[in-house]
C-alpha atoms as a PDB file:
ATOM      1  CA  MET A   1     104.369  81.725 131.094  1.00  0.00           C
ATOM      2  CA  PRO A   2     101.996  83.270 128.442  1.00  0.00           C
ATOM      3  CA  LYS A   3     100.032  80.939 126.280  1.00  0.00           C
ATOM      4  CA  ARG A   4     101.427  80.826 122.702  1.00  0.00           C
ATOM      5  CA  PHE A   5      99.017  82.247 120.130  1.00  0.00           C
ATOM      6  CA  ARG A   6      98.481  79.756 117.309  1.00  0.00           C
ATOM      7  CA  LEU A   7      95.718  79.771 114.745  1.00  0.00           C
ATOM      8  CA  THR A   8      94.916  76.064 114.608  1.00  0.00           C
ATOM      9  CA  ARG A   9      91.460  76.051 113.081  1.00  0.00           C
ATOM     10  CA  ARG A  10      90.427  77.341 109.697  1.00  0.00           C
ATOM     11  CA  PHE A  11      86.917  77.310 108.400  1.00  0.00           C
ATOM     12  CA  PRO A  12      85.021  78.943 105.534  1.00  0.00           C
ATOM     13  CA  VAL A  13      82.976  81.894 106.710  1.00  0.00           C
ATOM     14  CA  ALA A  14      80.196  83.741 104.929  1.00  0.00           C
ATOM     15  CA  MET A  15      79.549  87.263 106.281  1.00  0.00           C
ATOM     16  CA  THR A  16      77.259  90.143 105.380  1.00  0.00           C
ATOM     17  CA  GLU A  17      78.956  93.225 104.000  1.00  0.00           C
ATOM     18  CA  ASP A  18      78.080  95.146 107.135  1.00  0.00           C
ATOM     19  CA  GLY A  19      79.541  92.434 109.316  1.00  0.00           C
ATOM     20  CA  TYR A  20      82.749  92.303 107.307  1.00  0.00           C
ATOM     21  CA  ARG A  21      83.157  96.091 107.386  1.00  0.00           C
ATOM     22  CA  GLY A  22      82.694  95.957 111.174  1.00  0.00           C
ATOM     23  CA  LEU A  23      85.287  93.229 111.487  1.00  0.00           C
ATOM     24  CA  LYS A  24      87.782  95.115 109.278  1.00  0.00           C
ATOM     25  CA  ARG A  25      87.235  98.294 111.295  1.00  0.00           C
ATOM     26  CA  PHE A  26      87.663  96.523 114.597  1.00  0.00           C
ATOM     27  CA  SER A  27      90.765  94.622 113.488  1.00  0.00           C
ATOM     28  CA  GLN A  28      92.422  97.776 112.139  1.00  0.00           C
ATOM     29  CA  GLU A  29      91.664  99.773 115.310  1.00  0.00           C
ATOM     30  CA  ALA A  30      93.024  96.900 117.452  1.00  0.00           C
ATOM     31  CA  GLY A  31      96.094  96.332 115.281  1.00  0.00           C
ATOM     32  CA  LEU A  32      95.065  92.768 114.466  1.00  0.00           C
ATOM     33  CA  ASP A  33      94.393  90.855 111.291  1.00  0.00           C
ATOM     34  CA  GLU A  34      90.833  89.574 110.762  1.00  0.00           C
ATOM     35  CA  GLY A  35      91.582  86.076 112.064  1.00  0.00           C
ATOM     36  CA  GLU A  36      93.225  87.420 115.229  1.00  0.00           C
ATOM     37  CA  ALA A  37      90.303  89.797 115.776  1.00  0.00           C
ATOM     38  CA  LEU A  38      87.761  86.948 115.474  1.00  0.00           C
ATOM     39  CA  SER A  39      89.811  84.829 117.865  1.00  0.00           C
ATOM     40  CA  PHE A  40      89.918  87.647 120.399  1.00  0.00           C
ATOM     41  CA  LEU A  41      86.166  88.299 120.119  1.00  0.00           C
ATOM     42  CA  PHE A  42      85.214  84.642 120.608  1.00  0.00           C
ATOM     43  CA  GLU A  43      87.815  83.927 123.357  1.00  0.00           C
ATOM     44  CA  HIS A  44      86.386  86.895 125.276  1.00  0.00           C
ATOM     45  CA  PHE A  45      82.797  86.629 124.087  1.00  0.00           C
ATOM     46  CA  ASP A  46      81.117  86.919 127.515  1.00  0.00           C
ATOM     47  CA  SER A  47      83.096  89.964 128.511  1.00  0.00           C
ATOM     48  CA  VAL A  48      82.635  91.882 125.214  1.00  0.00           C
ATOM     49  CA  THR A  49      78.914  91.389 124.937  1.00  0.00           C
ATOM     50  CA  ASP A  50      75.963  92.650 126.931  1.00  0.00           C
ATOM     51  CA  SER A  51      73.729  89.595 127.264  1.00  0.00           C
ATOM     52  CA  GLU A  52      70.492  91.620 127.324  1.00  0.00           C
ATOM     53  CA  VAL A  53      71.361  93.574 124.194  1.00  0.00           C
ATOM     54  CA  LEU A  54      72.749  90.464 122.479  1.00  0.00           C
ATOM     55  CA  GLY A  55      69.430  88.667 122.858  1.00  0.00           C
ATOM     56  CA  ILE A  56      67.466  91.625 121.416  1.00  0.00           C
ATOM     57  CA  LYS A  57      69.904  91.984 118.481  1.00  0.00           C
ATOM     58  CA  LEU A  58      69.879  88.223 117.836  1.00  0.00           C
ATOM     59  CA  ARG A  59      66.092  88.038 117.726  1.00  0.00           C
ATOM     60  CA  ALA A  60      65.980  91.005 115.307  1.00  0.00           C
ATOM     61  CA  PHE A  61      68.634  89.420 113.093  1.00  0.00           C
ATOM     62  CA  ASN A  62      66.846  86.075 113.026  1.00  0.00           C
ATOM     63  CA  SER A  63      63.513  87.719 112.161  1.00  0.00           C
ATOM     64  CA  GLU A  64      65.115  89.446 109.130  1.00  0.00           C
ATOM     65  CA  LEU A  65      67.295  86.520 108.045  1.00  0.00           C
ATOM     66  CA  ASP A  66      64.944  84.868 105.559  1.00  0.00           C
ATOM     67  CA  THR A  67      64.143  88.174 103.876  1.00  0.00           C
ATOM     68  CA  ARG A  68      67.825  89.076 103.667  1.00  0.00           C
ATOM     69  CA  LYS A  69      68.702  85.752 101.994  1.00  0.00           C
ATOM     70  CA  ARG A  70      66.444  86.472  99.010  1.00  0.00           C
END
């Protein structure tokens, strides 16, 4: 029997404009709303990311973070 899809957690999220545009684009292409799209991405995180590229992108993001906050 398939697992019932329930959104049980809600939390305030702050996103960059680029991140939000990417989420909107992904959710529209997938036919999901933003919450469903985020749930899908995090439930399948390991299979939708390339661990080598993720590490490189994360280091670059972290190195720019303080500058971007100003």
